[in-house]
PDB file of N, CA and C in Angstrom:
ATOM      1  N   MET A   1      25.062 100.595 135.404  1.00  0.00           N
ATOM      2  CA  MET A   1      25.565 101.720 134.629  1.00  0.00           C
ATOM      3  C   MET A   1      25.829 101.249 133.208  1.00  0.00           C
ATOM      4  N   ARG A   2      25.786 102.211 132.294  1.00  0.00           N
ATOM      5  CA  ARG A   2      26.037 101.886 130.892  1.00  0.00           C
ATOM      6  C   ARG A   2      26.841 103.012 130.255  1.00  0.00           C
ATOM      7  N   PRO A   3      27.476 102.745 129.111  1.00  0.00           N
ATOM      8  CA  PRO A   3      28.308 103.766 128.480  1.00  0.00           C
ATOM      9  C   PRO A   3      27.465 104.880 127.851  1.00  0.00           C
ATOM     10  N   CYS A   4      28.040 106.055 127.803  1.00  0.00           N
ATOM     11  CA  CYS A   4      27.429 107.200 127.128  1.00  0.00           C
ATOM     12  C   CYS A   4      27.259 106.851 125.650  1.00  0.00           C
ATOM     13  N   LEU A   5      26.149 107.300 125.043  1.00  0.00           N
ATOM     14  CA  LEU A   5      25.888 107.000 123.636  1.00  0.00           C
ATOM     15  C   LEU A   5      26.750 107.791 122.659  1.00  0.00           C
ATOM     16  N   ALA A   6      27.403 108.833 123.128  1.00  0.00           N
ATOM     17  CA  ALA A   6      28.254 109.625 122.239  1.00  0.00           C
ATOM     18  C   ALA A   6      29.442 108.776 121.789  1.00  0.00           C
ATOM     19  N   PRO A   7      29.782 108.832 120.511  1.00  0.00           N
ATOM     20  CA  PRO A   7      30.902 108.031 120.007  1.00  0.00           C
ATOM     21  C   PRO A   7      32.201 108.335 120.758  1.00  0.00           C
ATOM     22  N   ASN A   8      32.914 107.284 121.119  1.00  0.00           N
ATOM     23  CA  ASN A   8      34.229 107.362 121.765  1.00  0.00           C
ATOM     24  C   ASN A   8      34.226 108.029 123.138  1.00  0.00           C
ATOM     25  N   CYS A   9      33.088 108.151 123.774  1.00  0.00           N
ATOM     26  CA  CYS A   9      33.027 108.742 125.111  1.00  0.00           C
ATOM     27  C   CYS A   9      33.189 107.616 126.143  1.00  0.00           C
ATOM     28  N   PRO A  10      34.151 107.721 127.038  1.00  0.00           N
ATOM     29  CA  PRO A  10      34.390 106.655 128.016  1.00  0.00           C
ATOM     30  C   PRO A  10      33.481 106.738 129.252  1.00  0.00           C
ATOM     31  N   ALA A  11      32.677 107.787 129.376  1.00  0.00           N
ATOM     32  CA  ALA A  11      31.868 107.991 130.582  1.00  0.00           C
ATOM     33  C   ALA A  11      30.775 106.931 130.727  1.00  0.00           C
ATOM     34  N   LEU A  12      30.455 106.620 131.976  1.00  0.00           N
ATOM     35  CA  LEU A  12      29.354 105.717 132.287  1.00  0.00           C
ATOM     36  C   LEU A  12      28.220 106.538 132.891  1.00  0.00           C
ATOM     37  N   VAL A  13      26.985 106.154 132.550  1.00  0.00           N
ATOM     38  CA  VAL A  13      25.808 106.898 133.030  1.00  0.00           C
ATOM     39  C   VAL A  13      24.827 105.927 133.680  1.00  0.00           C
ATOM     40  N   HIS A  14      24.014 106.461 134.581  1.00  0.00           N
ATOM     41  CA  HIS A  14      22.974 105.674 135.234  1.00  0.00           C
ATOM     42  C   HIS A  14      21.701 105.708 134.390  1.00  0.00           C
ATOM     43  N   PRO A  15      21.065 104.557 134.135  1.00  0.00           N
ATOM     44  CA  PRO A  15      19.779 104.560 133.441  1.00  0.00           C
ATOM     45  C   PRO A  15      18.773 105.376 134.239  1.00  0.00           C
ATOM     46  N   PRO A  16      17.827 106.094 133.664  1.00  0.00           N
ATOM     47  CA  PRO A  16      17.469 106.067 132.248  1.00  0.00           C
ATOM     48  C   PRO A  16      18.272 107.031 131.389  1.00  0.00           C
ATOM     49  N   GLU A  17      19.313 107.649 131.923  1.00  0.00           N
ATOM     50  CA  GLU A  17      20.133 108.559 131.124  1.00  0.00           C
ATOM     51  C   GLU A  17      20.821 107.793 129.997  1.00  0.00           C
ATOM     52  N   ASN A  18      21.010 108.482 128.873  1.00  0.00           N
ATOM     53  CA  ASN A  18      21.695 107.885 127.730  1.00  0.00           C
ATOM     54  C   ASN A  18      23.051 108.517 127.461  1.00  0.00           C
ATOM     55  N   ARG A  19      23.252 109.737 128.015  1.00  0.00           N
ATOM     56  CA  ARG A  19      24.489 110.457 127.737  1.00  0.00           C
ATOM     57  C   ARG A  19      25.067 111.031 129.026  1.00  0.00           C
ATOM     58  N   CYS A  20      26.380 111.258 129.022  1.00  0.00           N
ATOM     59  CA  CYS A  20      27.037 111.914 130.149  1.00  0.00           C
ATOM     60  C   CYS A  20      26.589 113.379 130.175  1.00  0.00           C
ATOM     61  N   PRO A  21      26.829 114.095 131.265  1.00  0.00           N
ATOM     62  CA  PRO A  21      26.370 115.491 131.343  1.00  0.00           C
ATOM     63  C   PRO A  21      26.845 116.366 130.174  1.00  0.00           C
ATOM     64  N   ARG A  22      28.093 116.193 129.762  1.00  0.00           N
ATOM     65  CA  ARG A  22      28.614 117.022 128.660  1.00  0.00           C
ATOM     66  C   ARG A  22      27.846 116.755 127.364  1.00  0.00           C
ATOM     67  N   HIS A  23      27.684 115.476 127.021  1.00  0.00           N
ATOM     68  CA  HIS A  23      27.008 115.145 125.774  1.00  0.00           C
ATOM     69  C   HIS A  23      25.495 115.353 125.870  1.00  0.00           C
ATOM     70  N   ARG A  24      24.936 115.246 127.075  1.00  0.00           N
ATOM     71  CA  ARG A  24      23.513 115.535 127.254  1.00  0.00           C
ATOM     72  C   ARG A  24      23.257 117.023 126.997  1.00  0.00           C
ATOM     73  N   ALA A  25      24.155 117.887 127.490  1.00  0.00           N
ATOM     74  CA  ALA A  25      24.019 119.332 127.252  1.00  0.00           C
ATOM     75  C   ALA A  25      24.110 119.635 125.757  1.00  0.00           C
ATOM     76  N   GLU A  26      25.032 118.965 125.063  1.00  0.00           N
ATOM     77  CA  GLU A  26      25.149 119.168 123.621  1.00  0.00           C
ATOM     78  C   GLU A  26      23.888 118.696 122.904  1.00  0.00           C
ATOM     79  N   ALA A  27      23.366 117.550 123.309  1.00  0.00           N
ATOM     80  CA  ALA A  27      22.143 117.020 122.686  1.00  0.00           C
ATOM     81  C   ALA A  27      20.960 117.933 122.965  1.00  0.00           C
ATOM     82  N   ASP A  28      20.868 118.451 124.190  1.00  0.00           N
ATOM     83  CA  ASP A  28      19.776 119.366 124.525  1.00  0.00           C
ATOM     84  C   ASP A  28      19.878 120.658 123.711  1.00  0.00           C
ATOM     85  N   ALA A  29      21.098 121.127 123.475  1.00  0.00           N
ATOM     86  CA  ALA A  29      21.282 122.333 122.661  1.00  0.00           C
ATOM     87  C   ALA A  29      20.868 122.064 121.213  1.00  0.00           C
ATOM     88  N   ARG A  30      21.229 120.888 120.697  1.00  0.00           N
ATOM     89  CA  ARG A  30      20.788 120.517 119.342  1.00  0.00           C
ATOM     90  C   ARG A  30      19.269 120.452 119.283  1.00  0.00           C
ATOM     91  N   TRP A  31      18.666 119.863 120.323  1.00  0.00           N
ATOM     92  CA  TRP A  31      17.219 119.767 120.383  1.00  0.00           C
ATOM     93  C   TRP A  31      16.586 121.163 120.391  1.00  0.00           C
ATOM     94  N   ALA A  32      17.138 122.076 121.168  1.00  0.00           N
ATOM     95  CA  ALA A  32      16.582 123.428 121.243  1.00  0.00           C
ATOM     96  C   ALA A  32      16.641 124.127 119.877  1.00  0.00           C
ATOM     97  N   ARG A  33      17.749 123.943 119.156  1.00  0.00           N
ATOM     98  CA  ARG A  33      17.845 124.537 117.813  1.00  0.00           C
ATOM     99  C   ARG A  33      16.830 123.914 116.869  1.00  0.00           C
ATOM    100  N   ARG A  34      16.655 122.603 116.959  1.00  0.00           N
ATOM    101  CA  ARG A  34      15.698 121.904 116.093  1.00  0.00           C
ATOM    102  C   ARG A  34      14.271 122.345 116.413  1.00  0.00           C
ATOM    103  N   VAL A  35      13.978 122.480 117.695  1.00  0.00           N
ATOM    104  CA  VAL A  35      12.645 122.925 118.117  1.00  0.00           C
ATOM    105  C   VAL A  35      12.359 124.314 117.568  1.00  0.00           C
ATOM    106  N   GLU A  36      13.305 125.207 117.708  1.00  0.00           N
ATOM    107  CA  GLU A  36      13.118 126.579 117.231  1.00  0.00           C
ATOM    108  C   GLU A  36      12.897 126.596 115.723  1.00  0.00           C
ATOM    109  N   ALA A  37      13.637 125.758 114.997  1.00  0.00           N
ATOM    110  CA  ALA A  37      13.513 125.727 113.545  1.00  0.00           C
ATOM    111  C   ALA A  37      12.155 125.193 113.099  1.00  0.00           C
ATOM    112  N   HIS A  38      11.555 124.325 113.889  1.00  0.00           N
ATOM    113  CA  HIS A  38      10.300 123.684 113.488  1.00  0.00           C
ATOM    114  C   HIS A  38       9.090 124.174 114.264  1.00  0.00           C
ATOM    115  N   ARG A  39       9.225 125.251 114.950  1.00  0.00           N
ATOM    116  CA  ARG A  39       8.170 125.737 115.851  1.00  0.00           C
ATOM    117  C   ARG A  39       6.819 125.863 115.159  1.00  0.00           C
ATOM    118  N   ASP A  40       6.774 126.312 113.923  1.00  0.00           N
ATOM    119  CA  ASP A  40       5.504 126.564 113.265  1.00  0.00           C
ATOM    120  C   ASP A  40       4.947 125.364 112.505  1.00  0.00           C
ATOM    121  N   GLY A  41       5.774 124.357 112.225  1.00  0.00           N
ATOM    122  CA  GLY A  41       5.312 123.225 111.446  1.00  0.00           C
ATOM    123  C   GLY A  41       5.016 122.016 112.319  1.00  0.00           C
ATOM    124  N   GLN A  42       5.196 120.856 111.741  1.00  0.00           N
ATOM    125  CA  GLN A  42       4.972 119.607 112.455  1.00  0.00           C
ATOM    126  C   GLN A  42       6.233 119.139 113.165  1.00  0.00           C
ATOM    127  N   GLY A  43       7.236 119.985 113.277  1.00  0.00           N
ATOM    128  CA  GLY A  43       8.494 119.624 113.914  1.00  0.00           C
ATOM    129  C   GLY A  43       8.350 119.229 115.369  1.00  0.00           C
ATOM    130  N   TRP A  44       7.216 119.551 115.988  1.00  0.00           N
ATOM    131  CA  TRP A  44       7.001 119.163 117.375  1.00  0.00           C
ATOM    132  C   TRP A  44       7.086 117.661 117.547  1.00  0.00           C
ATOM    133  N   ARG A  45       6.845 116.915 116.492  1.00  0.00           N
ATOM    134  CA  ARG A  45       6.934 115.449 116.594  1.00  0.00           C
ATOM    135  C   ARG A  45       8.352 115.003 116.938  1.00  0.00           C
ATOM    136  N   ALA A  46       9.349 115.740 116.475  1.00  0.00           N
ATOM    137  CA  ALA A  46      10.741 115.398 116.766  1.00  0.00           C
ATOM    138  C   ALA A  46      11.033 115.514 118.260  1.00  0.00           C
ATOM    139  N   PHE A  47      10.264 116.328 118.958  1.00  0.00           N
ATOM    140  CA  PHE A  47      10.429 116.494 120.403  1.00  0.00           C
ATOM    141  C   PHE A  47      10.372 115.155 121.123  1.00  0.00           C
ATOM    142  N   TYR A  48       9.519 114.248 120.660  1.00  0.00           N
ATOM    143  CA  TYR A  48       9.350 112.962 121.325  1.00  0.00           C
ATOM    144  C   TYR A  48      10.533 112.020 121.150  1.00  0.00           C
ATOM    145  N   ARG A  49      11.484 112.372 120.289  1.00  0.00           N
ATOM    146  CA  ARG A  49      12.683 111.542 120.101  1.00  0.00           C
ATOM    147  C   ARG A  49      13.890 112.096 120.858  1.00  0.00           C
ATOM    148  N   THR A  50      13.695 113.110 121.665  1.00  0.00           N
ATOM    149  CA  THR A  50      14.822 113.730 122.365  1.00  0.00           C
ATOM    150  C   THR A  50      15.036 113.119 123.750  1.00  0.00           C
ATOM    151  N   ASP A  51      16.259 113.236 124.236  1.00  0.00           N
ATOM    152  CA  ASP A  51      16.555 112.778 125.596  1.00  0.00           C
ATOM    153  C   ASP A  51      15.774 113.580 126.623  1.00  0.00           C
ATOM    154  N   ALA A  52      15.561 114.862 126.347  1.00  0.00           N
ATOM    155  CA  ALA A  52      14.811 115.697 127.292  1.00  0.00           C
ATOM    156  C   ALA A  52      13.401 115.140 127.494  1.00  0.00           C
ATOM    157  N   TRP A  53      12.734 114.763 126.397  1.00  0.00           N
ATOM    158  CA  TRP A  53      11.391 114.192 126.526  1.00  0.00           C
ATOM    159  C   TRP A  53      11.462 112.825 127.212  1.00  0.00           C
ATOM    160  N   ARG A  54      12.419 112.017 126.844  1.00  0.00           N
ATOM    161  CA  ARG A  54      12.521 110.684 127.451  1.00  0.00           C
ATOM    162  C   ARG A  54      12.716 110.774 128.957  1.00  0.00           C
ATOM    163  N   ARG A  55      13.506 111.769 129.415  1.00  0.00           N
ATOM    164  CA  ARG A  55      13.691 111.975 130.854  1.00  0.00           C
ATOM    165  C   ARG A  55      12.386 112.399 131.516  1.00  0.00           C
ATOM    166  N   ARG A  56      11.684 113.376 130.906  1.00  0.00           N
ATOM    167  CA  ARG A  56      10.405 113.839 131.478  1.00  0.00           C
ATOM    168  C   ARG A  56       9.395 112.700 131.534  1.00  0.00           C
ATOM    169  N   ARG A  57       9.347 111.915 130.454  1.00  0.00           N
ATOM    170  CA  ARG A  57       8.407 110.796 130.389  1.00  0.00           C
ATOM    171  C   ARG A  57       8.720 109.783 131.483  1.00  0.00           C
ATOM    172  N   ALA A  58       9.993 109.404 131.633  1.00  0.00           N
ATOM    173  CA  ALA A  58      10.392 108.430 132.650  1.00  0.00           C
ATOM    174  C   ALA A  58      10.062 108.949 134.052  1.00  0.00           C
ATOM    175  N   GLU A  59      10.319 110.235 134.285  1.00  0.00           N
ATOM    176  CA  GLU A  59       9.996 110.816 135.598  1.00  0.00           C
ATOM    177  C   GLU A  59       8.498 110.788 135.866  1.00  0.00           C
ATOM    178  N   GLN A  60       7.702 111.110 134.852  1.00  0.00           N
ATOM    179  CA  GLN A  60       6.241 111.106 135.022  1.00  0.00           C
ATOM    180  C   GLN A  60       5.730 109.700 135.303  1.00  0.00           C
ATOM    181  N   LEU A  61       6.201 108.711 134.548  1.00  0.00           N
ATOM    182  CA  LEU A  61       5.719 107.343 134.740  1.00  0.00           C
ATOM    183  C   LEU A  61       6.181 106.775 136.079  1.00  0.00           C
ATOM    184  N   ALA A  62       7.327 107.216 136.575  1.00  0.00           N
ATOM    185  CA  ALA A  62       7.782 106.777 137.903  1.00  0.00           C
ATOM    186  C   ALA A  62       6.941 107.429 138.996  1.00  0.00           C
ATOM    187  N   ARG A  63       6.583 108.702 138.790  1.00  0.00           N
ATOM    188  CA  ARG A  63       5.794 109.441 139.771  1.00  0.00           C
ATOM    189  C   ARG A  63       4.339 108.955 139.812  1.00  0.00           C
ATOM    190  N   GLU A  64       3.808 108.586 138.651  1.00  0.00           N
ATOM    191  CA  GLU A  64       2.406 108.174 138.542  1.00  0.00           C
ATOM    192  C   GLU A  64       2.357 106.895 137.696  1.00  0.00           C
ATOM    193  N   PRO A  65       2.540 105.711 138.307  1.00  0.00           N
ATOM    194  CA  PRO A  65       2.720 104.469 137.542  1.00  0.00           C
ATOM    195  C   PRO A  65       1.429 103.797 137.062  1.00  0.00           C
ATOM    196  N   THR A  66       0.282 104.440 137.220  1.00  0.00           N
ATOM    197  CA  THR A  66      -0.973 103.883 136.719  1.00  0.00           C
ATOM    198  C   THR A  66      -1.743 104.952 135.961  1.00  0.00           C
ATOM    199  N   CYS A  67      -2.634 104.531 135.095  1.00  0.00           N
ATOM    200  CA  CYS A  67      -3.449 105.455 134.309  1.00  0.00           C
ATOM    201  C   CYS A  67      -4.324 106.284 135.239  1.00  0.00           C
ATOM    202  N   ARG A  68      -4.289 107.580 135.059  1.00  0.00           N
ATOM    203  CA  ARG A  68      -5.076 108.483 135.897  1.00  0.00           C
ATOM    204  C   ARG A  68      -6.576 108.282 135.677  1.00  0.00           C
ATOM    205  N   SER A  69      -6.956 107.820 134.512  1.00  0.00           N
ATOM    206  CA  SER A  69      -8.371 107.678 134.186  1.00  0.00           C
ATOM    207  C   SER A  69      -8.953 106.328 134.605  1.00  0.00           C
ATOM    208  N   CYS A  70      -8.295 105.233 134.215  1.00  0.00           N
ATOM    209  CA  CYS A  70      -8.875 103.909 134.476  1.00  0.00           C
ATOM    210  C   CYS A  70      -8.108 103.071 135.501  1.00  0.00           C
ATOM    211  N   GLY A  71      -6.878 103.482 135.842  1.00  0.00           N
ATOM    212  CA  GLY A  71      -6.119 102.794 136.871  1.00  0.00           C
ATOM    213  C   GLY A  71      -5.257 101.636 136.414  1.00  0.00           C
ATOM    214  N   THR A  72      -5.242 101.329 135.129  1.00  0.00           N
ATOM    215  CA  THR A  72      -4.422 100.219 134.654  1.00  0.00           C
ATOM    216  C   THR A  72      -2.938 100.580 134.733  1.00  0.00           C
ATOM    217  N   ASP A  73      -2.090  99.548 134.721  1.00  0.00           N
ATOM    218  CA  ASP A  73      -0.645  99.792 134.729  1.00  0.00           C
ATOM    219  C   ASP A  73      -0.002  99.280 133.440  1.00  0.00           C
ATOM    220  N   ARG A  74      -0.791  99.138 132.389  1.00  0.00           N
ATOM    221  CA  ARG A  74      -0.295  98.616 131.111  1.00  0.00           C
ATOM    222  C   ARG A  74      -0.385  99.662 130.013  1.00  0.00           C
ATOM    223  N   ARG A  75       0.589  99.625 129.111  1.00  0.00           N
ATOM    224  CA  ARG A  75       0.620 100.480 127.926  1.00  0.00           C
ATOM    225  C   ARG A  75       0.425 101.950 128.285  1.00  0.00           C
ATOM    226  N   LEU A  76       1.282 102.434 129.173  1.00  0.00           N
ATOM    227  CA  LEU A  76       1.142 103.794 129.686  1.00  0.00           C
ATOM    228  C   LEU A  76       1.883 104.826 128.836  1.00  0.00           C
ATOM    229  N   GLN A  77       1.344 106.036 128.818  1.00  0.00           N
ATOM    230  CA  GLN A  77       1.949 107.155 128.131  1.00  0.00           C
ATOM    231  C   GLN A  77       1.936 108.370 129.047  1.00  0.00           C
ATOM    232  N   ALA A  78       2.897 109.236 128.876  1.00  0.00           N
ATOM    233  CA  ALA A  78       2.891 110.527 129.570  1.00  0.00           C
ATOM    234  C   ALA A  78       2.182 111.506 128.650  1.00  0.00           C
ATOM    235  N   ALA A  79       1.068 112.035 129.092  1.00  0.00           N
ATOM    236  CA  ALA A  79       0.239 112.904 128.252  1.00  0.00           C
ATOM    237  C   ALA A  79       0.275 114.342 128.765  1.00  0.00           C
ATOM    238  N   HIS A  80       0.277 115.276 127.845  1.00  0.00           N
ATOM    239  CA  HIS A  80       0.234 116.692 128.196  1.00  0.00           C
ATOM    240  C   HIS A  80      -1.153 117.038 128.719  1.00  0.00           C
ATOM    241  N   VAL A  81      -1.212 117.892 129.718  1.00  0.00           N
ATOM    242  CA  VAL A  81      -2.489 118.303 130.296  1.00  0.00           C
ATOM    243  C   VAL A  81      -2.889 119.635 129.672  1.00  0.00           C
ATOM    244  N   GLY A  82      -3.898 119.585 128.817  1.00  0.00           N
ATOM    245  CA  GLY A  82      -4.476 120.804 128.276  1.00  0.00           C
ATOM    246  C   GLY A  82      -3.727 121.512 127.171  1.00  0.00           C
ATOM    247  N   ALA A  83      -2.425 121.384 127.078  1.00  0.00           N
ATOM    248  CA  ALA A  83      -1.650 122.137 126.082  1.00  0.00           C
ATOM    249  C   ALA A  83      -1.612 121.394 124.751  1.00  0.00           C
ATOM    250  N   THR A  84      -1.475 122.162 123.687  1.00  0.00           N
ATOM    251  CA  THR A  84      -1.335 121.599 122.344  1.00  0.00           C
ATOM    252  C   THR A  84      -0.021 122.094 121.747  1.00  0.00           C
ATOM    253  N   PRO A  85       0.446 121.460 120.661  1.00  0.00           N
ATOM    254  CA  PRO A  85       1.680 121.937 120.030  1.00  0.00           C
ATOM    255  C   PRO A  85       1.583 123.389 119.561  1.00  0.00           C
ATOM    256  N   LYS A  86       0.390 123.895 119.383  1.00  0.00           N
ATOM    257  CA  LYS A  86       0.219 125.299 118.983  1.00  0.00           C
ATOM    258  C   LYS A  86       0.671 126.238 120.097  1.00  0.00           C
ATOM    259  N   GLU A  87       0.586 125.780 121.343  1.00  0.00           N
ATOM    260  CA  GLU A  87       1.033 126.549 122.509  1.00  0.00           C
ATOM    261  C   GLU A  87       2.353 125.948 122.969  1.00  0.00           C
ATOM    262  N   TRP A  88       3.406 126.195 122.200  1.00  0.00           N
ATOM    263  CA  TRP A  88       4.646 125.436 122.324  1.00  0.00           C
ATOM    264  C   TRP A  88       5.252 125.445 123.712  1.00  0.00           C
ATOM    265  N   GLU A  89       5.400 126.590 124.339  1.00  0.00           N
ATOM    266  CA  GLU A  89       6.058 126.646 125.651  1.00  0.00           C
ATOM    267  C   GLU A  89       5.281 125.840 126.691  1.00  0.00           C
ATOM    268  N   ALA A  90       3.965 125.970 126.688  1.00  0.00           N
ATOM    269  CA  ALA A  90       3.139 125.194 127.621  1.00  0.00           C
ATOM    270  C   ALA A  90       3.196 123.715 127.277  1.00  0.00           C
ATOM    271  N   PHE A  91       3.313 123.415 125.998  1.00  0.00           N
ATOM    272  CA  PHE A  91       3.350 122.024 125.547  1.00  0.00           C
ATOM    273  C   PHE A  91       4.612 121.312 126.037  1.00  0.00           C
ATOM    274  N   ILE A  92       5.773 121.944 125.898  1.00  0.00           N
ATOM    275  CA  ILE A  92       7.008 121.245 126.260  1.00  0.00           C
ATOM    276  C   ILE A  92       7.330 121.327 127.743  1.00  0.00           C
ATOM    277  N   ALA A  93       6.813 122.328 128.452  1.00  0.00           N
ATOM    278  CA  ALA A  93       7.175 122.487 129.859  1.00  0.00           C
ATOM    279  C   ALA A  93       5.995 122.324 130.812  1.00  0.00           C
ATOM    280  N   GLY A  94       4.805 122.181 130.263  1.00  0.00           N
ATOM    281  CA  GLY A  94       3.613 122.106 131.100  1.00  0.00           C
ATOM    282  C   GLY A  94       3.469 120.790 131.831  1.00  0.00           C
ATOM    283  N   PRO A  95       2.430 120.678 132.645  1.00  0.00           N
ATOM    284  CA  PRO A  95       2.224 119.468 133.433  1.00  0.00           C
ATOM    285  C   PRO A  95       1.878 118.264 132.566  1.00  0.00           C
ATOM    286  N   LEU A  96       2.206 117.096 133.098  1.00  0.00           N
ATOM    287  CA  LEU A  96       1.912 115.831 132.425  1.00  0.00           C
ATOM    288  C   LEU A  96       0.991 114.999 133.304  1.00  0.00           C
ATOM    289  N   GLN A  97       0.327 114.048 132.672  1.00  0.00           N
ATOM    290  CA  GLN A  97      -0.449 113.058 133.404  1.00  0.00           C
ATOM    291  C   GLN A  97      -0.182 111.701 132.770  1.00  0.00           C
ATOM    292  N   THR A  98      -0.335 110.639 133.527  1.00  0.00           N
ATOM    293  CA  THR A  98      -0.148 109.308 132.995  1.00  0.00           C
ATOM    294  C   THR A  98      -1.506 108.766 132.552  1.00  0.00           C
ATOM    295  N   LEU A  99      -1.560 108.339 131.286  1.00  0.00           N
ATOM    296  CA  LEU A  99      -2.762 107.727 130.732  1.00  0.00           C
ATOM    297  C   LEU A  99      -2.361 106.481 129.958  1.00  0.00           C
ATOM    298  N   CYS A 100      -3.240 105.472 129.936  1.00  0.00           N
ATOM    299  CA  CYS A 100      -2.994 104.319 129.072  1.00  0.00           C
ATOM    300  C   CYS A 100      -3.304 104.751 127.631  1.00  0.00           C
ATOM    301  N   ILE A 101      -2.891 103.955 126.676  1.00  0.00           N
ATOM    302  CA  ILE A 101      -3.083 104.319 125.273  1.00  0.00           C
ATOM    303  C   ILE A 101      -4.557 104.554 124.959  1.00  0.00           C
ATOM    304  N   GLU A 102      -5.433 103.696 125.471  1.00  0.00           N
ATOM    305  CA  GLU A 102      -6.861 103.816 125.170  1.00  0.00           C
ATOM    306  C   GLU A 102      -7.449 105.111 125.746  1.00  0.00           C
ATOM    307  N   CYS A 103      -7.137 105.413 127.001  1.00  0.00           N
ATOM    308  CA  CYS A 103      -7.660 106.636 127.621  1.00  0.00           C
ATOM    309  C   CYS A 103      -7.075 107.883 126.959  1.00  0.00           C
ATOM    310  N   HIS A 104      -5.793 107.804 126.560  1.00  0.00           N
ATOM    311  CA  HIS A 104      -5.172 108.929 125.874  1.00  0.00           C
ATOM    312  C   HIS A 104      -5.860 109.176 124.534  1.00  0.00           C
ATOM    313  N   ALA A 105      -6.169 108.101 123.806  1.00  0.00           N
ATOM    314  CA  ALA A 105      -6.865 108.248 122.524  1.00  0.00           C
ATOM    315  C   ALA A 105      -8.245 108.873 122.729  1.00  0.00           C
ATOM    316  N   ARG A 106      -8.964 108.435 123.757  1.00  0.00           N
ATOM    317  CA  ARG A 106     -10.278 109.025 124.047  1.00  0.00           C
ATOM    318  C   ARG A 106     -10.142 110.504 124.392  1.00  0.00           C
ATOM    319  N   SER A 107      -9.151 110.836 125.189  1.00  0.00           N
ATOM    320  CA  SER A 107      -8.920 112.218 125.590  1.00  0.00           C
ATOM    321  C   SER A 107      -8.607 113.093 124.378  1.00  0.00           C
ATOM    322  N   ARG A 108      -7.742 112.606 123.509  1.00  0.00           N
ATOM    323  CA  ARG A 108      -7.389 113.375 122.303  1.00  0.00           C
ATOM    324  C   ARG A 108      -8.567 113.490 121.361  1.00  0.00           C
ATOM    325  N   ALA A 109      -9.374 112.428 121.241  1.00  0.00           N
ATOM    326  CA  ALA A 109     -10.553 112.498 120.374  1.00  0.00           C
ATOM    327  C   ALA A 109     -11.516 113.569 120.876  1.00  0.00           C
ATOM    328  N   ALA A 110     -11.695 113.638 122.188  1.00  0.00           N
ATOM    329  CA  ALA A 110     -12.569 114.657 122.765  1.00  0.00           C
ATOM    330  C   ALA A 110     -12.004 116.057 122.507  1.00  0.00           C
ATOM    331  N   GLU A 111     -10.678 116.227 122.639  1.00  0.00           N
ATOM    332  CA  GLU A 111     -10.055 117.524 122.369  1.00  0.00           C
ATOM    333  C   GLU A 111     -10.217 117.906 120.905  1.00  0.00           C
ATOM    334  N   ASN A 112     -10.015 116.937 120.008  1.00  0.00           N
ATOM    335  CA  ASN A 112     -10.162 117.216 118.579  1.00  0.00           C
ATOM    336  C   ASN A 112     -11.603 117.603 118.248  1.00  0.00           C
ATOM    337  N   TRP A 113     -12.545 116.946 118.861  1.00  0.00           N
ATOM    338  CA  TRP A 113     -13.957 117.230 118.622  1.00  0.00           C
ATOM    339  C   TRP A 113     -14.284 118.664 119.064  1.00  0.00           C
ATOM    340  N   ARG A 114     -13.654 119.073 120.175  1.00  0.00           N
ATOM    341  CA  ARG A 114     -13.876 120.439 120.667  1.00  0.00           C
ATOM    342  C   ARG A 114     -13.022 121.462 119.915  1.00  0.00           C
ATOM    343  N   GLY A 115     -12.133 120.990 119.036  1.00  0.00           N
ATOM    344  CA  GLY A 115     -11.283 121.910 118.268  1.00  0.00           C
ATOM    345  C   GLY A 115      -9.992 122.280 118.958  1.00  0.00           C
ATOM    346  N   GLY A 116      -9.561 121.477 119.940  1.00  0.00           N
ATOM    347  CA  GLY A 116      -8.343 121.800 120.694  1.00  0.00           C
ATOM    348  C   GLY A 116      -7.060 121.611 119.936  1.00  0.00           C
ATOM    349  N   ARG A 117      -6.975 120.688 119.022  1.00  0.00           N
ATOM    350  CA  ARG A 117      -5.749 120.439 118.275  1.00  0.00           C
ATOM    351  C   ARG A 117      -6.002 120.803 116.850  1.00  0.00           C
TER     352      ARG A 117
END
């Protein structure tokens, strides 16, 4: 267990959590406001710095610990399946797949070539 990241909070949390339930709810609310404010721009990048994304990513990598494409267990990423930041709701809540960095880059290059992003 480790201490909550909120200043002066005495609560202890289990990894991979960073905040106690109270402060996690506050952080998620801040994230939701930030997401709404940046919905049309490049603000989607901030999504990857949130606890909500870190939890989803950790859950995905635990559920699928090898690259879906090549089978390696190194340099893994949780990748969105089919959705782009332009389709915000599907992007943040849609299904994920585990890909290594190289396979993810190939996948994104193919999507960009087809005009997906």
